N, C-alpha and C. Protein backbone atom coordinates (compact mmCIF):
# COMPACT_ATOMS: atom_id res chain seq x y z
N ARG A 1 77.16 74.87 99.80
CA ARG A 1 76.92 76.45 100.42
C ARG A 1 75.44 76.86 99.75
N THR A 2 75.01 77.73 100.56
CA THR A 2 73.56 78.24 100.01
C THR A 2 73.83 79.82 99.42
N ALA A 3 72.68 80.33 98.75
CA ALA A 3 72.91 81.63 98.10
C ALA A 3 73.24 82.77 99.11
N THR A 4 73.17 82.37 100.65
CA THR A 4 73.34 83.39 101.63
C THR A 4 74.82 83.08 102.01
N SER A 5 75.58 82.23 101.58
CA SER A 5 77.06 82.08 101.96
C SER A 5 77.94 83.23 102.10
N LYS A 6 78.99 83.30 103.10
CA LYS A 6 79.66 84.47 103.19
C LYS A 6 80.26 84.79 101.84
N GLY A 7 80.14 85.79 101.46
CA GLY A 7 80.92 86.44 100.41
C GLY A 7 80.17 86.30 99.20
N ARG A 8 79.03 85.72 99.21
CA ARG A 8 78.35 85.62 97.87
C ARG A 8 77.22 86.64 97.66
N MET A 9 77.14 87.01 96.50
CA MET A 9 76.34 88.13 96.17
C MET A 9 75.49 87.84 94.92
N LEU A 10 74.18 88.24 94.59
CA LEU A 10 73.54 88.05 93.61
C LEU A 10 73.08 89.47 93.18
N PHE A 11 72.91 89.60 91.78
CA PHE A 11 72.58 90.82 91.20
C PHE A 11 71.87 90.94 89.99
N ALA A 12 70.86 91.59 89.71
CA ALA A 12 69.98 91.51 88.45
C ALA A 12 69.72 92.84 88.02
N ASN A 13 69.99 92.95 86.64
CA ASN A 13 69.54 94.34 85.98
C ASN A 13 69.61 93.70 84.62
N PRO A 14 69.00 94.86 83.64
CA PRO A 14 68.91 94.90 82.50
C PRO A 14 70.21 95.26 81.91
N ALA A 15 70.78 94.00 81.20
CA ALA A 15 72.27 94.18 81.04
C ALA A 15 72.85 94.70 79.43
N SER A 16 71.59 95.24 78.78
CA SER A 16 71.92 95.73 77.35
C SER A 16 72.65 97.23 77.46
N THR A 17 73.39 97.48 76.67
CA THR A 17 74.08 98.79 76.59
C THR A 17 73.25 99.78 76.01
N THR A 18 72.04 99.20 75.12
CA THR A 18 71.31 100.26 74.32
C THR A 18 70.03 100.52 74.79
N GLY A 19 69.54 99.85 76.02
CA GLY A 19 68.20 100.05 76.64
C GLY A 19 67.88 99.18 77.79
N ARG A 20 66.72 99.12 78.15
CA ARG A 20 66.19 98.30 79.17
C ARG A 20 65.78 97.02 78.61
N GLU A 21 66.82 95.74 78.25
CA GLU A 21 66.46 94.61 77.74
C GLU A 21 67.51 93.53 78.35
N LYS A 22 67.27 92.40 78.16
CA LYS A 22 68.36 91.42 78.52
C LYS A 22 68.55 91.43 80.07
N MET A 23 67.37 90.96 80.76
CA MET A 23 67.46 90.80 82.29
C MET A 23 68.54 89.61 82.53
N THR A 24 69.35 89.97 83.16
CA THR A 24 70.60 89.07 83.68
C THR A 24 71.01 89.18 85.19
N VAL A 25 71.08 87.98 85.66
CA VAL A 25 71.43 87.74 86.83
C VAL A 25 73.09 87.55 87.06
N ARG A 26 73.63 88.11 87.99
CA ARG A 26 74.96 87.83 87.82
C ARG A 26 75.29 87.29 89.42
N LEU A 27 76.46 86.46 89.66
CA LEU A 27 76.72 85.79 90.99
C LEU A 27 78.23 86.32 91.18
N SER A 28 78.56 86.65 92.40
CA SER A 28 80.01 87.09 92.89
C SER A 28 80.11 86.11 94.00
N SER A 29 81.32 85.62 94.24
CA SER A 29 81.70 84.74 95.21
C SER A 29 82.94 85.46 96.00
N ASP A 30 82.99 86.78 95.99
CA ASP A 30 84.05 87.71 96.51
C ASP A 30 83.45 89.06 96.89
N ASP A 31 82.23 88.93 97.34
CA ASP A 31 81.90 90.18 97.95
C ASP A 31 81.45 91.27 96.97
N GLY A 32 81.31 90.90 95.59
CA GLY A 32 81.21 91.84 94.64
C GLY A 32 82.27 92.32 93.89
N ARG A 33 83.49 91.86 94.15
CA ARG A 33 84.78 92.61 93.81
C ARG A 33 84.86 91.91 91.99
N THR A 34 84.27 90.67 91.70
CA THR A 34 84.33 90.12 90.46
C THR A 34 82.67 89.87 90.42
N TRP A 35 82.38 89.56 89.30
CA TRP A 35 81.30 88.82 88.95
C TRP A 35 81.24 87.59 87.82
N SER A 36 82.00 86.64 88.40
CA SER A 36 82.36 85.46 87.78
C SER A 36 81.32 84.49 86.61
N THR A 37 80.22 84.84 87.06
CA THR A 37 79.14 84.05 86.73
C THR A 37 77.72 84.81 86.28
N SER A 38 77.21 84.82 84.93
CA SER A 38 76.07 85.48 84.72
C SER A 38 74.93 84.84 83.88
N LYS A 39 73.97 84.91 83.68
CA LYS A 39 73.00 84.27 82.98
C LYS A 39 71.76 84.95 82.54
N LEU A 40 71.53 84.82 81.29
CA LEU A 40 70.40 85.97 80.90
C LEU A 40 68.97 85.15 81.33
N ILE A 41 67.92 85.94 81.79
CA ILE A 41 66.78 85.38 82.50
C ILE A 41 65.71 85.63 81.22
N TYR A 42 65.54 87.06 80.58
CA TYR A 42 64.73 87.17 79.65
C TYR A 42 65.32 88.27 78.61
N GLY A 43 65.37 87.93 77.33
CA GLY A 43 66.27 88.64 76.30
C GLY A 43 65.61 89.98 75.71
N GLU A 44 64.13 90.16 76.10
CA GLU A 44 63.77 91.09 75.49
C GLU A 44 63.41 92.49 76.53
N SER A 45 62.57 93.15 76.30
CA SER A 45 62.40 94.28 77.22
C SER A 45 62.19 94.07 78.70
N ALA A 46 62.97 94.42 79.53
CA ALA A 46 62.93 94.21 80.94
C ALA A 46 63.43 95.26 81.75
N ALA A 47 62.65 95.46 82.91
CA ALA A 47 63.26 96.51 83.78
C ALA A 47 63.24 96.40 85.31
N TYR A 48 62.75 96.88 86.20
CA TYR A 48 62.99 96.86 87.62
C TYR A 48 62.82 95.28 88.21
N SER A 49 63.65 94.97 88.86
CA SER A 49 63.77 93.52 89.46
C SER A 49 64.13 93.58 90.79
N CYS A 50 63.49 92.23 91.50
CA CYS A 50 63.89 92.01 92.80
C CYS A 50 64.23 90.65 93.11
N LEU A 51 65.26 90.25 93.65
CA LEU A 51 65.72 89.00 94.14
C LEU A 51 65.68 88.81 95.57
N ALA A 52 65.19 87.35 95.88
CA ALA A 52 65.17 86.93 97.29
C ALA A 52 65.61 85.37 97.36
N VAL A 53 66.34 85.21 98.37
CA VAL A 53 66.59 83.88 98.72
C VAL A 53 65.57 83.20 99.40
N LEU A 54 65.08 81.97 98.96
CA LEU A 54 64.19 81.29 99.45
C LEU A 54 64.55 80.39 100.84
N PRO A 55 63.73 79.88 101.61
CA PRO A 55 64.08 78.97 102.81
C PRO A 55 64.93 77.87 102.29
N ASP A 56 64.64 77.33 101.02
CA ASP A 56 65.34 76.04 100.73
C ASP A 56 66.61 76.35 99.93
N GLY A 57 67.03 77.65 99.76
CA GLY A 57 68.27 78.11 99.11
C GLY A 57 68.04 78.31 97.66
N ARG A 58 66.71 78.11 97.07
CA ARG A 58 66.71 78.41 95.88
C ARG A 58 66.39 80.20 95.62
N VAL A 59 66.32 80.73 94.45
CA VAL A 59 66.50 82.19 94.26
C VAL A 59 65.30 82.56 93.70
N ALA A 60 64.55 83.39 94.11
CA ALA A 60 63.38 84.12 93.38
C ALA A 60 63.69 85.15 92.78
N ILE A 61 62.98 85.49 91.57
CA ILE A 61 63.37 87.07 90.86
C ILE A 61 61.97 87.50 90.29
N VAL A 62 61.39 88.73 90.48
CA VAL A 62 60.40 89.24 90.17
C VAL A 62 60.78 90.29 89.40
N TYR A 63 60.28 90.46 88.34
CA TYR A 63 60.84 91.56 87.27
C TYR A 63 59.69 92.00 86.22
N GLU A 64 59.87 93.25 85.66
CA GLU A 64 58.89 94.00 84.75
C GLU A 64 59.53 93.39 83.68
N ARG A 65 58.80 93.30 82.58
CA ARG A 65 59.09 92.90 81.10
C ARG A 65 58.12 93.36 80.28
N ASP A 66 58.32 93.29 79.02
CA ASP A 66 57.49 93.50 77.65
C ASP A 66 56.90 95.06 77.77
N GLY A 67 57.99 96.10 78.18
CA GLY A 67 57.59 97.25 77.98
C GLY A 67 57.04 97.73 79.41
N THR A 68 57.31 96.97 80.27
CA THR A 68 56.55 96.96 81.81
C THR A 68 55.18 96.86 81.83
N THR A 69 54.68 96.02 80.68
CA THR A 69 53.28 95.64 80.86
C THR A 69 53.10 94.21 81.41
N ARG A 70 54.11 93.39 82.04
CA ARG A 70 53.87 92.42 82.66
C ARG A 70 54.84 92.30 83.74
N ILE A 71 54.52 91.44 85.00
CA ILE A 71 55.28 91.24 85.89
C ILE A 71 55.73 89.61 85.87
N THR A 72 56.87 89.44 86.16
CA THR A 72 57.22 87.82 85.83
C THR A 72 57.78 87.65 87.18
N PHE A 73 57.79 86.31 87.61
CA PHE A 73 58.20 85.70 88.84
C PHE A 73 58.65 84.26 88.34
N SER A 74 60.06 84.38 88.61
CA SER A 74 60.73 82.78 88.31
C SER A 74 61.51 82.51 89.56
N ILE A 75 61.58 81.06 89.51
CA ILE A 75 62.53 80.51 90.62
C ILE A 75 63.75 79.74 90.04
N PHE A 76 65.11 79.87 90.44
CA PHE A 76 66.06 79.16 89.92
C PHE A 76 67.22 78.62 90.98
N THR A 77 67.80 77.82 90.74
CA THR A 77 68.93 77.39 91.73
C THR A 77 70.13 78.09 91.27
N LEU A 78 71.20 78.12 92.10
CA LEU A 78 72.69 78.40 92.11
C LEU A 78 73.18 77.28 90.93
N ARG A 79 72.82 76.11 91.21
CA ARG A 79 73.36 75.18 90.07
C ARG A 79 72.99 75.66 88.45
N TRP A 80 71.86 75.92 88.45
CA TRP A 80 71.11 76.39 87.08
C TRP A 80 72.00 77.67 86.61
N LEU A 81 72.15 78.47 87.69
CA LEU A 81 73.01 79.87 86.97
C LEU A 81 74.31 79.60 86.82
N ARG A 82 74.88 78.86 87.39
CA ARG A 82 76.30 78.29 87.11
C ARG A 82 76.53 77.50 86.09
N GLU A 83 75.53 76.52 85.42
CA GLU A 83 75.55 75.78 84.15
C GLU A 83 75.82 76.67 82.98
């Protein structure tokens, strides 16, 4: 199955309860009712992000980090996310 399979959703956000840090990607396989998988992408200051599924099924994320002074682009697989 690919990242675009029915029922599958990806979500990214700064997951800290105290500020904009800990950029995390979450995976739901039930249309967002539960988020069974999550992985920290970047542990320091992080903000706005955007996810895209690439033609080969990998996932791209672009996000602000380090007090919004840097923009980072990364690519990962669903397999990596589930590990």
